[in-house]
mmCIF file of all heavy atoms, coordinates in Angstrom:
data_MODEL
# 
_entry.id   MODEL 
# 
loop_
_atom_site.group_PDB 
_atom_site.id 
_atom_site.type_symbol 
_atom_site.label_atom_id 
_atom_site.label_alt_id 
_atom_site.label_comp_id 
_atom_site.label_asym_id 
_atom_site.label_entity_id 
_atom_site.label_seq_id 
_atom_site.pdbx_PDB_ins_code 
_atom_site.Cartn_x 
_atom_site.Cartn_y 
_atom_site.Cartn_z 
_atom_site.occupancy 
_atom_site.B_iso_or_equiv 
_atom_site.pdbx_formal_charge 
_atom_site.auth_seq_id 
_atom_site.auth_comp_id 
_atom_site.auth_asym_id 
_atom_site.auth_atom_id 
_atom_site.pdbx_PDB_model_num 
ATOM 1   N N   . TYR A 1 1  ? -0.026 2.713   -16.526 1.00 0.00 ? 1  TYR A N   1 
ATOM 2   C CA  . TYR A 1 1  ? 1.343  3.156   -16.790 1.00 0.00 ? 1  TYR A CA  1 
ATOM 3   C C   . TYR A 1 1  ? 2.345  2.123   -16.286 1.00 0.00 ? 1  TYR A C   1 
ATOM 4   O O   . TYR A 1 1  ? 3.297  1.765   -16.990 1.00 0.00 ? 1  TYR A O   1 
ATOM 5   C CB  . TYR A 1 1  ? 1.598  4.513   -16.134 1.00 0.00 ? 1  TYR A CB  1 
ATOM 6   C CG  . TYR A 1 1  ? 3.037  4.962   -16.226 1.00 0.00 ? 1  TYR A CG  1 
ATOM 7   C CD1 . TYR A 1 1  ? 3.518  5.568   -17.377 1.00 0.00 ? 1  TYR A CD1 1 
ATOM 8   C CD2 . TYR A 1 1  ? 3.936  4.752   -15.181 1.00 0.00 ? 1  TYR A CD2 1 
ATOM 9   C CE1 . TYR A 1 1  ? 4.847  5.977   -17.478 1.00 0.00 ? 1  TYR A CE1 1 
ATOM 10  C CE2 . TYR A 1 1  ? 5.257  5.147   -15.257 1.00 0.00 ? 1  TYR A CE2 1 
ATOM 11  C CZ  . TYR A 1 1  ? 5.704  5.752   -16.415 1.00 0.00 ? 1  TYR A CZ  1 
ATOM 12  O OH  . TYR A 1 1  ? 7.020  6.133   -16.521 1.00 0.00 ? 1  TYR A OH  1 
ATOM 13  N N   . TRP A 1 2  ? 2.138  1.658   -15.049 1.00 0.00 ? 2  TRP A N   1 
ATOM 14  C CA  . TRP A 1 2  ? 3.067  0.690   -14.460 1.00 0.00 ? 2  TRP A CA  1 
ATOM 15  C C   . TRP A 1 2  ? 2.965  -0.653  -15.165 1.00 0.00 ? 2  TRP A C   1 
ATOM 16  O O   . TRP A 1 2  ? 3.974  -1.312  -15.420 1.00 0.00 ? 2  TRP A O   1 
ATOM 17  C CB  . TRP A 1 2  ? 2.816  0.546   -12.960 1.00 0.00 ? 2  TRP A CB  1 
ATOM 18  C CG  . TRP A 1 2  ? 2.894  1.873   -12.271 1.00 0.00 ? 2  TRP A CG  1 
ATOM 19  C CD1 . TRP A 1 2  ? 1.869  2.571   -11.708 1.00 0.00 ? 2  TRP A CD1 1 
ATOM 20  C CD2 . TRP A 1 2  ? 4.058  2.713   -12.144 1.00 0.00 ? 2  TRP A CD2 1 
ATOM 21  N NE1 . TRP A 1 2  ? 2.326  3.772   -11.226 1.00 0.00 ? 2  TRP A NE1 1 
ATOM 22  C CE2 . TRP A 1 2  ? 3.663  3.883   -11.475 1.00 0.00 ? 2  TRP A CE2 1 
ATOM 23  C CE3 . TRP A 1 2  ? 5.391  2.582   -12.519 1.00 0.00 ? 2  TRP A CE3 1 
ATOM 24  C CZ2 . TRP A 1 2  ? 4.548  4.915   -11.172 1.00 0.00 ? 2  TRP A CZ2 1 
ATOM 25  C CZ3 . TRP A 1 2  ? 6.276  3.598   -12.217 1.00 0.00 ? 2  TRP A CZ3 1 
ATOM 26  C CH2 . TRP A 1 2  ? 5.857  4.752   -11.557 1.00 0.00 ? 2  TRP A CH2 1 
ATOM 27  N N   . GLN A 1 3  ? 1.758  -1.062  -15.489 1.00 0.00 ? 3  GLN A N   1 
ATOM 28  C CA  . GLN A 1 3  ? 1.558  -2.328  -16.199 1.00 0.00 ? 3  GLN A CA  1 
ATOM 29  C C   . GLN A 1 3  ? 2.199  -2.281  -17.590 1.00 0.00 ? 3  GLN A C   1 
ATOM 30  O O   . GLN A 1 3  ? 2.787  -3.266  -18.036 1.00 0.00 ? 3  GLN A O   1 
ATOM 31  C CB  . GLN A 1 3  ? 0.067  -2.642  -16.286 1.00 0.00 ? 3  GLN A CB  1 
ATOM 32  C CG  . GLN A 1 3  ? -0.526 -2.937  -14.924 1.00 0.00 ? 3  GLN A CG  1 
ATOM 33  C CD  . GLN A 1 3  ? -2.043 -2.939  -14.912 1.00 0.00 ? 3  GLN A CD  1 
ATOM 34  O OE1 . GLN A 1 3  ? -2.698 -2.393  -15.789 1.00 0.00 ? 3  GLN A OE1 1 
ATOM 35  N NE2 . GLN A 1 3  ? -2.614 -3.571  -13.890 1.00 0.00 ? 3  GLN A NE2 1 
ATOM 36  N N   . ASP A 1 4  ? 2.108  -1.128  -18.238 1.00 0.00 ? 4  ASP A N   1 
ATOM 37  C CA  . ASP A 1 4  ? 2.705  -0.972  -19.571 1.00 0.00 ? 4  ASP A CA  1 
ATOM 38  C C   . ASP A 1 4  ? 4.226  -1.041  -19.536 1.00 0.00 ? 4  ASP A C   1 
ATOM 39  O O   . ASP A 1 4  ? 4.857  -1.361  -20.550 1.00 0.00 ? 4  ASP A O   1 
ATOM 40  C CB  . ASP A 1 4  ? 2.272  0.358   -20.207 1.00 0.00 ? 4  ASP A CB  1 
ATOM 41  C CG  . ASP A 1 4  ? 0.801  0.394   -20.570 1.00 0.00 ? 4  ASP A CG  1 
ATOM 42  O OD1 . ASP A 1 4  ? 0.150  -0.682  -20.584 1.00 0.00 ? 4  ASP A OD1 1 
ATOM 43  O OD2 . ASP A 1 4  ? 0.289  1.498   -20.838 1.00 0.00 ? 4  ASP A OD2 1 
ATOM 44  N N   . HIS A 1 5  ? 4.830  -0.725  -18.397 1.00 0.00 ? 5  HIS A N   1 
ATOM 45  C CA  . HIS A 1 5  ? 6.295  -0.745  -18.277 1.00 0.00 ? 5  HIS A CA  1 
ATOM 46  C C   . HIS A 1 5  ? 6.830  -2.020  -17.616 1.00 0.00 ? 5  HIS A C   1 
ATOM 47  O O   . HIS A 1 5  ? 8.030  -2.156  -17.421 1.00 0.00 ? 5  HIS A O   1 
ATOM 48  C CB  . HIS A 1 5  ? 6.762  0.489   -17.494 1.00 0.00 ? 5  HIS A CB  1 
ATOM 49  C CG  . HIS A 1 5  ? 6.661  1.745   -18.301 1.00 0.00 ? 5  HIS A CG  1 
ATOM 50  N ND1 . HIS A 1 5  ? 5.495  2.453   -18.436 1.00 0.00 ? 5  HIS A ND1 1 
ATOM 51  C CD2 . HIS A 1 5  ? 7.578  2.385   -19.049 1.00 0.00 ? 5  HIS A CD2 1 
ATOM 52  C CE1 . HIS A 1 5  ? 5.693  3.483   -19.220 1.00 0.00 ? 5  HIS A CE1 1 
ATOM 53  N NE2 . HIS A 1 5  ? 6.959  3.468   -19.608 1.00 0.00 ? 5  HIS A NE2 1 
ATOM 54  N N   . PHE A 1 6  ? 5.939  -2.942  -17.299 1.00 0.00 ? 6  PHE A N   1 
ATOM 55  C CA  . PHE A 1 6  ? 6.321  -4.170  -16.600 1.00 0.00 ? 6  PHE A CA  1 
ATOM 56  C C   . PHE A 1 6  ? 7.369  -4.972  -17.384 1.00 0.00 ? 6  PHE A C   1 
ATOM 57  O O   . PHE A 1 6  ? 8.398  -5.378  -16.824 1.00 0.00 ? 6  PHE A O   1 
ATOM 58  C CB  . PHE A 1 6  ? 5.069  -5.023  -16.346 1.00 0.00 ? 6  PHE A CB  1 
ATOM 59  C CG  . PHE A 1 6  ? 5.304  -6.194  -15.447 1.00 0.00 ? 6  PHE A CG  1 
ATOM 60  C CD1 . PHE A 1 6  ? 5.263  -6.043  -14.068 1.00 0.00 ? 6  PHE A CD1 1 
ATOM 61  C CD2 . PHE A 1 6  ? 5.549  -7.461  -15.964 1.00 0.00 ? 6  PHE A CD2 1 
ATOM 62  C CE1 . PHE A 1 6  ? 5.464  -7.130  -13.218 1.00 0.00 ? 6  PHE A CE1 1 
ATOM 63  C CE2 . PHE A 1 6  ? 5.753  -8.545  -15.129 1.00 0.00 ? 6  PHE A CE2 1 
ATOM 64  C CZ  . PHE A 1 6  ? 5.713  -8.368  -13.755 1.00 0.00 ? 6  PHE A CZ  1 
ATOM 65  N N   . ALA A 1 7  ? 7.128  -5.202  -18.672 1.00 0.00 ? 7  ALA A N   1 
ATOM 66  C CA  . ALA A 1 7  ? 8.056  -6.002  -19.483 1.00 0.00 ? 7  ALA A CA  1 
ATOM 67  C C   . ALA A 1 7  ? 9.424  -5.324  -19.598 1.00 0.00 ? 7  ALA A C   1 
ATOM 68  O O   . ALA A 1 7  ? 10.464 -5.994  -19.536 1.00 0.00 ? 7  ALA A O   1 
ATOM 69  C CB  . ALA A 1 7  ? 7.467  -6.248  -20.874 1.00 0.00 ? 7  ALA A CB  1 
ATOM 70  N N   . GLU A 1 8  ? 9.420  -4.017  -19.722 1.00 0.00 ? 8  GLU A N   1 
ATOM 71  C CA  . GLU A 1 8  ? 10.668 -3.252  -19.815 1.00 0.00 ? 8  GLU A CA  1 
ATOM 72  C C   . GLU A 1 8  ? 11.485 -3.390  -18.527 1.00 0.00 ? 8  GLU A C   1 
ATOM 73  O O   . GLU A 1 8  ? 12.701 -3.597  -18.561 1.00 0.00 ? 8  GLU A O   1 
ATOM 74  C CB  . GLU A 1 8  ? 10.306 -1.789  -20.065 1.00 0.00 ? 8  GLU A CB  1 
ATOM 75  C CG  . GLU A 1 8  ? 11.446 -0.821  -20.125 1.00 0.00 ? 8  GLU A CG  1 
ATOM 76  C CD  . GLU A 1 8  ? 10.936 0.605   -20.276 1.00 0.00 ? 8  GLU A CD  1 
ATOM 77  O OE1 . GLU A 1 8  ? 9.913  0.832   -20.940 1.00 0.00 ? 8  GLU A OE1 1 
ATOM 78  O OE2 . GLU A 1 8  ? 11.588 1.506   -19.709 1.00 0.00 ? 8  GLU A OE2 1 
ATOM 79  N N   . VAL A 1 9  ? 10.810 -3.308  -17.399 1.00 0.00 ? 9  VAL A N   1 
ATOM 80  C CA  . VAL A 1 9  ? 11.482 -3.446  -16.109 1.00 0.00 ? 9  VAL A CA  1 
ATOM 81  C C   . VAL A 1 9  ? 11.983 -4.876  -15.924 1.00 0.00 ? 9  VAL A C   1 
ATOM 82  O O   . VAL A 1 9  ? 13.077 -5.095  -15.415 1.00 0.00 ? 9  VAL A O   1 
ATOM 83  C CB  . VAL A 1 9  ? 10.543 -3.016  -14.955 1.00 0.00 ? 9  VAL A CB  1 
ATOM 84  C CG1 . VAL A 1 9  ? 11.149 -3.335  -13.596 1.00 0.00 ? 9  VAL A CG1 1 
ATOM 85  C CG2 . VAL A 1 9  ? 10.239 -1.532  -15.070 1.00 0.00 ? 9  VAL A CG2 1 
ATOM 86  N N   . LYS A 1 10 ? 11.203 -5.842  -16.383 1.00 0.00 ? 10 LYS A N   1 
ATOM 87  C CA  . LYS A 1 10 ? 11.610 -7.249  -16.284 1.00 0.00 ? 10 LYS A CA  1 
ATOM 88  C C   . LYS A 1 10 ? 12.914 -7.495  -17.042 1.00 0.00 ? 10 LYS A C   1 
ATOM 89  O O   . LYS A 1 10 ? 13.758 -8.280  -16.605 1.00 0.00 ? 10 LYS A O   1 
ATOM 90  C CB  . LYS A 1 10 ? 10.497 -8.146  -16.832 1.00 0.00 ? 10 LYS A CB  1 
ATOM 91  C CG  . LYS A 1 10 ? 10.758 -9.622  -16.632 1.00 0.00 ? 10 LYS A CG  1 
ATOM 92  C CD  . LYS A 1 10 ? 9.579  -10.453 -17.066 1.00 0.00 ? 10 LYS A CD  1 
ATOM 93  C CE  . LYS A 1 10 ? 9.815  -11.924 -16.762 1.00 0.00 ? 10 LYS A CE  1 
ATOM 94  N NZ  . LYS A 1 10 ? 8.629  -12.746 -17.048 1.00 0.00 ? 10 LYS A NZ  1 
ATOM 95  N N   . GLU A 1 11 ? 13.100 -6.816  -18.157 1.00 0.00 ? 11 GLU A N   1 
ATOM 96  C CA  . GLU A 1 11 ? 14.350 -6.954  -18.930 1.00 0.00 ? 11 GLU A CA  1 
ATOM 97  C C   . GLU A 1 11 ? 15.500 -6.194  -18.274 1.00 0.00 ? 11 GLU A C   1 
ATOM 98  O O   . GLU A 1 11 ? 16.648 -6.623  -18.339 1.00 0.00 ? 11 GLU A O   1 
ATOM 99  C CB  . GLU A 1 11 ? 14.140 -6.436  -20.351 1.00 0.00 ? 11 GLU A CB  1 
ATOM 100 C CG  . GLU A 1 11 ? 13.337 -7.357  -21.226 1.00 0.00 ? 11 GLU A CG  1 
ATOM 101 C CD  . GLU A 1 11 ? 13.228 -6.859  -22.657 1.00 0.00 ? 11 GLU A CD  1 
ATOM 102 O OE1 . GLU A 1 11 ? 14.130 -6.098  -23.102 1.00 0.00 ? 11 GLU A OE1 1 
ATOM 103 O OE2 . GLU A 1 11 ? 12.257 -7.217  -23.330 1.00 0.00 ? 11 GLU A OE2 1 
ATOM 104 N N   . ALA A 1 12 ? 15.193 -5.055  -17.646 1.00 0.00 ? 12 ALA A N   1 
ATOM 105 C CA  . ALA A 1 12 ? 16.237 -4.202  -17.079 1.00 0.00 ? 12 ALA A CA  1 
ATOM 106 C C   . ALA A 1 12 ? 16.768 -4.713  -15.738 1.00 0.00 ? 12 ALA A C   1 
ATOM 107 O O   . ALA A 1 12 ? 17.953 -4.542  -15.440 1.00 0.00 ? 12 ALA A O   1 
ATOM 108 C CB  . ALA A 1 12 ? 15.704 -2.777  -16.911 1.00 0.00 ? 12 ALA A CB  1 
ATOM 109 N N   . LEU A 1 13 ? 15.920 -5.324  -14.940 1.00 0.00 ? 13 LEU A N   1 
ATOM 110 C CA  . LEU A 1 13 ? 16.336 -5.740  -13.595 1.00 0.00 ? 13 LEU A CA  1 
ATOM 111 C C   . LEU A 1 13 ? 17.563 -6.658  -13.564 1.00 0.00 ? 13 LEU A C   1 
ATOM 112 O O   . LEU A 1 13 ? 18.458 -6.447  -12.741 1.00 0.00 ? 13 LEU A O   1 
ATOM 113 C CB  . LEU A 1 13 ? 15.177 -6.386  -12.845 1.00 0.00 ? 13 LEU A CB  1 
ATOM 114 C CG  . LEU A 1 13 ? 14.203 -5.409  -12.189 1.00 0.00 ? 13 LEU A CG  1 
ATOM 115 C CD1 . LEU A 1 13 ? 12.958 -6.134  -11.686 1.00 0.00 ? 13 LEU A CD1 1 
ATOM 116 C CD2 . LEU A 1 13 ? 14.874 -4.653  -11.058 1.00 0.00 ? 13 LEU A CD2 1 
ATOM 117 N N   . PRO A 1 14 ? 17.642 -7.658  -14.441 1.00 0.00 ? 14 PRO A N   1 
ATOM 118 C CA  . PRO A 1 14 ? 18.841 -8.506  -14.399 1.00 0.00 ? 14 PRO A CA  1 
ATOM 119 C C   . PRO A 1 14 ? 20.138 -7.761  -14.718 1.00 0.00 ? 14 PRO A C   1 
ATOM 120 O O   . PRO A 1 14 ? 21.220 -8.218  -14.375 1.00 0.00 ? 14 PRO A O   1 
ATOM 121 C CB  . PRO A 1 14 ? 18.554 -9.579  -15.458 1.00 0.00 ? 14 PRO A CB  1 
ATOM 122 C CG  . PRO A 1 14 ? 17.060 -9.618  -15.548 1.00 0.00 ? 14 PRO A CG  1 
ATOM 123 C CD  . PRO A 1 14 ? 16.624 -8.191  -15.341 1.00 0.00 ? 14 PRO A CD  1 
ATOM 124 N N   . LEU A 1 15 ? 20.039 -6.591  -15.343 1.00 0.00 ? 15 LEU A N   1 
ATOM 125 C CA  . LEU A 1 15 ? 21.215 -5.803  -15.694 1.00 0.00 ? 15 LEU A CA  1 
ATOM 126 C C   . LEU A 1 15 ? 21.580 -4.799  -14.597 1.00 0.00 ? 15 LEU A C   1 
ATOM 127 O O   . LEU A 1 15 ? 22.652 -4.208  -14.630 1.00 0.00 ? 15 LEU A O   1 
ATOM 128 C CB  . LEU A 1 15 ? 20.966 -5.050  -17.003 1.00 0.00 ? 15 LEU A CB  1 
ATOM 129 C CG  . LEU A 1 15 ? 20.541 -5.911  -18.193 1.00 0.00 ? 15 LEU A CG  1 
ATOM 130 C CD1 . LEU A 1 15 ? 20.204 -5.044  -19.393 1.00 0.00 ? 15 LEU A CD1 1 
ATOM 131 C CD2 . LEU A 1 15 ? 21.623 -6.927  -18.541 1.00 0.00 ? 15 LEU A CD2 1 
ATOM 132 N N   . ALA A 1 16 ? 20.668 -4.604  -13.654 1.00 0.00 ? 16 ALA A N   1 
ATOM 133 C CA  . ALA A 1 16 ? 20.867 -3.616  -12.599 1.00 0.00 ? 16 ALA A CA  1 
ATOM 134 C C   . ALA A 1 16 ? 21.678 -4.189  -11.444 1.00 0.00 ? 16 ALA A C   1 
ATOM 135 O O   . ALA A 1 16 ? 21.774 -5.400  -11.275 1.00 0.00 ? 16 ALA A O   1 
ATOM 136 C CB  . ALA A 1 16 ? 19.501 -3.144  -12.082 1.00 0.00 ? 16 ALA A CB  1 
ATOM 137 N N   . GLU A 1 17 ? 22.245 -3.301  -10.659 1.00 0.00 ? 17 GLU A N   1 
ATOM 138 C CA  . GLU A 1 17 ? 22.863 -3.688  -9.397  1.00 0.00 ? 17 GLU A CA  1 
ATOM 139 C C   . GLU A 1 17 ? 21.728 -3.724  -8.382  1.00 0.00 ? 17 GLU A C   1 
ATOM 140 O O   . GLU A 1 17 ? 21.004 -2.736  -8.212  1.00 0.00 ? 17 GLU A O   1 
ATOM 141 C CB  . GLU A 1 17 ? 23.931 -2.668  -9.001  1.00 0.00 ? 17 GLU A CB  1 
ATOM 142 C CG  . GLU A 1 17 ? 24.732 -3.064  -7.795  1.00 0.00 ? 17 GLU A CG  1 
ATOM 143 C CD  . GLU A 1 17 ? 25.889 -2.105  -7.520  1.00 0.00 ? 17 GLU A CD  1 
ATOM 144 O OE1 . GLU A 1 17 ? 26.201 -1.255  -8.373  1.00 0.00 ? 17 GLU A OE1 1 
ATOM 145 O OE2 . GLU A 1 17 ? 26.460 -2.218  -6.429  1.00 0.00 ? 17 GLU A OE2 1 
ATOM 146 N N   . LEU A 1 18 ? 21.557 -4.854  -7.731  1.00 0.00 ? 18 LEU A N   1 
ATOM 147 C CA  . LEU A 1 18 ? 20.418 -5.046  -6.830  1.00 0.00 ? 18 LEU A CA  1 
ATOM 148 C C   . LEU A 1 18 ? 20.862 -5.474  -5.441  1.00 0.00 ? 18 LEU A C   1 
ATOM 149 O O   . LEU A 1 18 ? 21.703 -6.369  -5.305  1.00 0.00 ? 18 LEU A O   1 
ATOM 150 C CB  . LEU A 1 18 ? 19.474 -6.125  -7.381  1.00 0.00 ? 18 LEU A CB  1 
ATOM 151 C CG  . LEU A 1 18 ? 18.794 -5.869  -8.711  1.00 0.00 ? 18 LEU A CG  1 
ATOM 152 C CD1 . LEU A 1 18 ? 18.117 -7.139  -9.209  1.00 0.00 ? 18 LEU A CD1 1 
ATOM 153 C CD2 . LEU A 1 18 ? 17.780 -4.742  -8.574  1.00 0.00 ? 18 LEU A CD2 1 
ATOM 154 N N   . TYR A 1 19 ? 20.273 -4.845  -4.450  1.00 0.00 ? 19 TYR A N   1 
ATOM 155 C CA  . TYR A 1 19 ? 20.397 -5.282  -3.070  1.00 0.00 ? 19 TYR A CA  1 
ATOM 156 C C   . TYR A 1 19 ? 18.989 -5.588  -2.592  1.00 0.00 ? 19 TYR A C   1 
ATOM 157 O O   . TYR A 1 19 ? 18.050 -4.837  -2.891  1.00 0.00 ? 19 TYR A O   1 
ATOM 158 C CB  . TYR A 1 19 ? 21.004 -4.184  -2.185  1.00 0.00 ? 19 TYR A CB  1 
ATOM 159 C CG  . TYR A 1 19 ? 22.460 -3.930  -2.454  1.00 0.00 ? 19 TYR A CG  1 
ATOM 160 C CD1 . TYR A 1 19 ? 22.855 -3.024  -3.433  1.00 0.00 ? 19 TYR A CD1 1 
ATOM 161 C CD2 . TYR A 1 19 ? 23.442 -4.579  -1.720  1.00 0.00 ? 19 TYR A CD2 1 
ATOM 162 C CE1 . TYR A 1 19 ? 24.199 -2.779  -3.683  1.00 0.00 ? 19 TYR A CE1 1 
ATOM 163 C CE2 . TYR A 1 19 ? 24.786 -4.342  -1.955  1.00 0.00 ? 19 TYR A CE2 1 
ATOM 164 C CZ  . TYR A 1 19 ? 25.160 -3.439  -2.940  1.00 0.00 ? 19 TYR A CZ  1 
ATOM 165 O OH  . TYR A 1 19 ? 26.496 -3.205  -3.174  1.00 0.00 ? 19 TYR A OH  1 
ATOM 166 N N   . ILE A 1 20 ? 18.848 -6.672  -1.863  1.00 0.00 ? 20 ILE A N   1 
ATOM 167 C CA  . ILE A 1 20 ? 17.523 -7.064  -1.397  1.00 0.00 ? 20 ILE A CA  1 
ATOM 168 C C   . ILE A 1 20 ? 17.506 -7.206  0.116   1.00 0.00 ? 20 ILE A C   1 
ATOM 169 O O   . ILE A 1 20 ? 18.535 -7.446  0.744   1.00 0.00 ? 20 ILE A O   1 
ATOM 170 C CB  . ILE A 1 20 ? 17.049 -8.393  -2.034  1.00 0.00 ? 20 ILE A CB  1 
ATOM 171 C CG1 . ILE A 1 20 ? 18.020 -9.532  -1.702  1.00 0.00 ? 20 ILE A CG1 1 
ATOM 172 C CG2 . ILE A 1 20 ? 16.853 -8.233  -3.534  1.00 0.00 ? 20 ILE A CG2 1 
ATOM 173 C CD1 . ILE A 1 20 ? 17.495 -10.915 -2.057  1.00 0.00 ? 20 ILE A CD1 1 
ATOM 174 N N   . HIS A 1 21 ? 16.328 -7.060  0.669   1.00 0.00 ? 21 HIS A N   1 
ATOM 175 C CA  . HIS A 1 21 ? 16.093 -7.348  2.082   1.00 0.00 ? 21 HIS A CA  1 
ATOM 176 C C   . HIS A 1 21 ? 15.217 -8.584  2.134   1.00 0.00 ? 21 HIS A C   1 
ATOM 177 O O   . HIS A 1 21 ? 14.227 -8.688  1.410   1.00 0.00 ? 21 HIS A O   1 
ATOM 178 C CB  . HIS A 1 21 ? 15.382 -6.181  2.778   1.00 0.00 ? 21 HIS A CB  1 
ATOM 179 C CG  . HIS A 1 21 ? 15.087 -6.472  4.208   1.00 0.00 ? 21 HIS A CG  1 
ATOM 180 N ND1 . HIS A 1 21 ? 13.914 -7.069  4.618   1.00 0.00 ? 21 HIS A ND1 1 
ATOM 181 C CD2 . HIS A 1 21 ? 15.824 -6.256  5.327   1.00 0.00 ? 21 HIS A CD2 1 
ATOM 182 C CE1 . HIS A 1 21 ? 13.937 -7.199  5.934   1.00 0.00 ? 21 HIS A CE1 1 
ATOM 183 N NE2 . HIS A 1 21 ? 15.084 -6.724  6.388   1.00 0.00 ? 21 HIS A NE2 1 
ATOM 184 N N   . ARG A 1 22 ? 15.608 -9.524  2.966   1.00 0.00 ? 22 ARG A N   1 
ATOM 185 C CA  . ARG A 1 22 ? 14.832 -10.763 3.138   1.00 0.00 ? 22 ARG A CA  1 
ATOM 186 C C   . ARG A 1 22 ? 14.333 -10.867 4.574   1.00 0.00 ? 22 ARG A C   1 
ATOM 187 O O   . ARG A 1 22 ? 15.032 -10.504 5.507   1.00 0.00 ? 22 ARG A O   1 
ATOM 188 C CB  . ARG A 1 22 ? 15.683 -11.996 2.856   1.00 0.00 ? 22 ARG A CB  1 
ATOM 189 C CG  . ARG A 1 22 ? 16.008 -12.265 1.427   1.00 0.00 ? 22 ARG A CG  1 
ATOM 190 C CD  . ARG A 1 22 ? 16.718 -13.613 1.292   1.00 0.00 ? 22 ARG A CD  1 
ATOM 191 N NE  . ARG A 1 22 ? 17.358 -13.768 0.025   1.00 0.00 ? 22 ARG A NE  1 
ATOM 192 C CZ  . ARG A 1 22 ? 16.787 -14.294 -1.048  1.00 0.00 ? 22 ARG A CZ  1 
ATOM 193 N NH1 . ARG A 1 22 ? 15.549 -14.711 -0.991  1.00 0.00 ? 22 ARG A NH1 1 
ATOM 194 N NH2 . ARG A 1 22 ? 17.453 -14.406 -2.184  1.00 0.00 ? 22 ARG A NH2 1 
ATOM 195 N N   . ASP A 1 23 ? 13.143 -11.412 4.692   1.00 0.00 ? 23 ASP A N   1 
ATOM 196 C CA  . ASP A 1 23 ? 12.609 -11.846 5.975   1.00 0.00 ? 23 ASP A CA  1 
ATOM 197 C C   . ASP A 1 23 ? 12.416 -13.343 5.818   1.00 0.00 ? 23 ASP A C   1 
ATOM 198 O O   . ASP A 1 23 ? 11.520 -13.779 5.096   1.00 0.00 ? 23 ASP A O   1 
ATOM 199 C CB  . ASP A 1 23 ? 11.281 -11.141 6.280   1.00 0.00 ? 23 ASP A CB  1 
ATOM 200 C CG  . ASP A 1 23 ? 10.727 -11.534 7.630   1.00 0.00 ? 23 ASP A CG  1 
ATOM 201 O OD1 . ASP A 1 23 ? 11.473 -12.074 8.467   1.00 0.00 ? 23 ASP A OD1 1 
ATOM 202 O OD2 . ASP A 1 23 ? 9.517  -11.303 7.857   1.00 0.00 ? 23 ASP A OD2 1 
ATOM 203 N N   . LYS A 1 24 ? 13.294 -14.107 6.443   1.00 0.00 ? 24 LYS A N   1 
ATOM 204 C CA  . LYS A 1 24 ? 13.374 -15.553 6.238   1.00 0.00 ? 24 LYS A CA  1 
ATOM 205 C C   . LYS A 1 24 ? 13.702 -15.789 4.759   1.00 0.00 ? 24 LYS A C   1 
ATOM 206 O O   . LYS A 1 24 ? 14.723 -15.343 4.292   1.00 0.00 ? 24 LYS A O   1 
ATOM 207 C CB  . LYS A 1 24 ? 12.112 -16.251 6.710   1.00 0.00 ? 24 LYS A CB  1 
ATOM 208 C CG  . LYS A 1 24 ? 11.859 -16.040 8.195   1.00 0.00 ? 24 LYS A CG  1 
ATOM 209 C CD  . LYS A 1 24 ? 10.622 -16.741 8.660   1.00 0.00 ? 24 LYS A CD  1 
ATOM 210 C CE  . LYS A 1 24 ? 10.479 -16.566 10.155  1.00 0.00 ? 24 LYS A CE  1 
ATOM 211 N NZ  . LYS A 1 24 ? 9.557  -15.559 10.559  1.00 0.00 ? 24 LYS A NZ  1 
ATOM 212 N N   . ASP A 1 25 ? 12.844 -16.479 4.014   1.00 0.00 ? 25 ASP A N   1 
ATOM 213 C CA  . ASP A 1 25 ? 13.142 -16.748 2.598   1.00 0.00 ? 25 ASP A CA  1 
ATOM 214 C C   . ASP A 1 25 ? 12.387 -15.823 1.645   1.00 0.00 ? 25 ASP A C   1 
ATOM 215 O O   . ASP A 1 25 ? 12.417 -16.023 0.434   1.00 0.00 ? 25 ASP A O   1 
ATOM 216 C CB  . ASP A 1 25 ? 12.798 -18.207 2.258   1.00 0.00 ? 25 ASP A CB  1 
ATOM 217 C CG  . ASP A 1 25 ? 13.765 -19.184 2.914   1.00 0.00 ? 25 ASP A CG  1 
ATOM 218 O OD1 . ASP A 1 25 ? 14.908 -18.773 3.206   1.00 0.00 ? 25 ASP A OD1 1 
ATOM 219 O OD2 . ASP A 1 25 ? 13.377 -20.338 3.145   1.00 0.00 ? 25 ASP A OD2 1 
ATOM 220 N N   . LYS A 1 26 ? 11.718 -14.832 2.189   1.00 0.00 ? 26 LYS A N   1 
ATOM 221 C CA  . LYS A 1 26 ? 10.877 -13.951 1.384   1.00 0.00 ? 26 LYS A CA  1 
ATOM 222 C C   . LYS A 1 26 ? 11.566 -12.604 1.160   1.00 0.00 ? 26 LYS A C   1 
ATOM 223 O O   . LYS A 1 26 ? 12.041 -11.977 2.115   1.00 0.00 ? 26 LYS A O   1 
ATOM 224 C CB  . LYS A 1 26 ? 9.556  -13.747 2.136   1.00 0.00 ? 26 LYS A CB  1 
ATOM 225 C CG  . LYS A 1 26 ? 8.597  -12.821 1.483   1.00 0.00 ? 26 LYS A CG  1 
ATOM 226 C CD  . LYS A 1 26 ? 7.350  -12.686 2.361   1.00 0.00 ? 26 LYS A CD  1 
ATOM 227 C CE  . LYS A 1 26 ? 6.383  -11.707 1.757   1.00 0.00 ? 26 LYS A CE  1 
ATOM 228 N NZ  . LYS A 1 26 ? 5.214  -11.522 2.600   1.00 0.00 ? 26 LYS A NZ  1 
ATOM 229 N N   . ILE A 1 27 ? 11.616 -12.152 -0.087  1.00 0.00 ? 27 ILE A N   1 
ATOM 230 C CA  . ILE A 1 27 ? 12.144 -10.821 -0.382  1.00 0.00 ? 27 ILE A CA  1 
ATOM 231 C C   . ILE A 1 27 ? 11.071 -9.810  0.020   1.00 0.00 ? 27 ILE A C   1 
ATOM 232 O O   . ILE A 1 27 ? 9.914  -9.910  -0.399  1.00 0.00 ? 27 ILE A O   1 
ATOM 233 C CB  . ILE A 1 27 ? 12.501 -10.673 -1.872  1.00 0.00 ? 27 ILE A CB  1 
ATOM 234 C CG1 . ILE A 1 27 ? 13.618 -11.652 -2.258  1.00 0.00 ? 27 ILE A CG1 1 
ATOM 235 C CG2 . ILE A 1 27 ? 12.929 -9.231  -2.171  1.00 0.00 ? 27 ILE A CG2 1 
ATOM 236 C CD1 . ILE A 1 27 ? 13.949 -11.669 -3.736  1.00 0.00 ? 27 ILE A CD1 1 
# 
């Protein structure tokens, strides 16, 4: 299920509002 939605999420993420947590240079 998750693998089947991977491409859809890949397209949607750049359109989303995103906040990230980093540890050094790693998300």
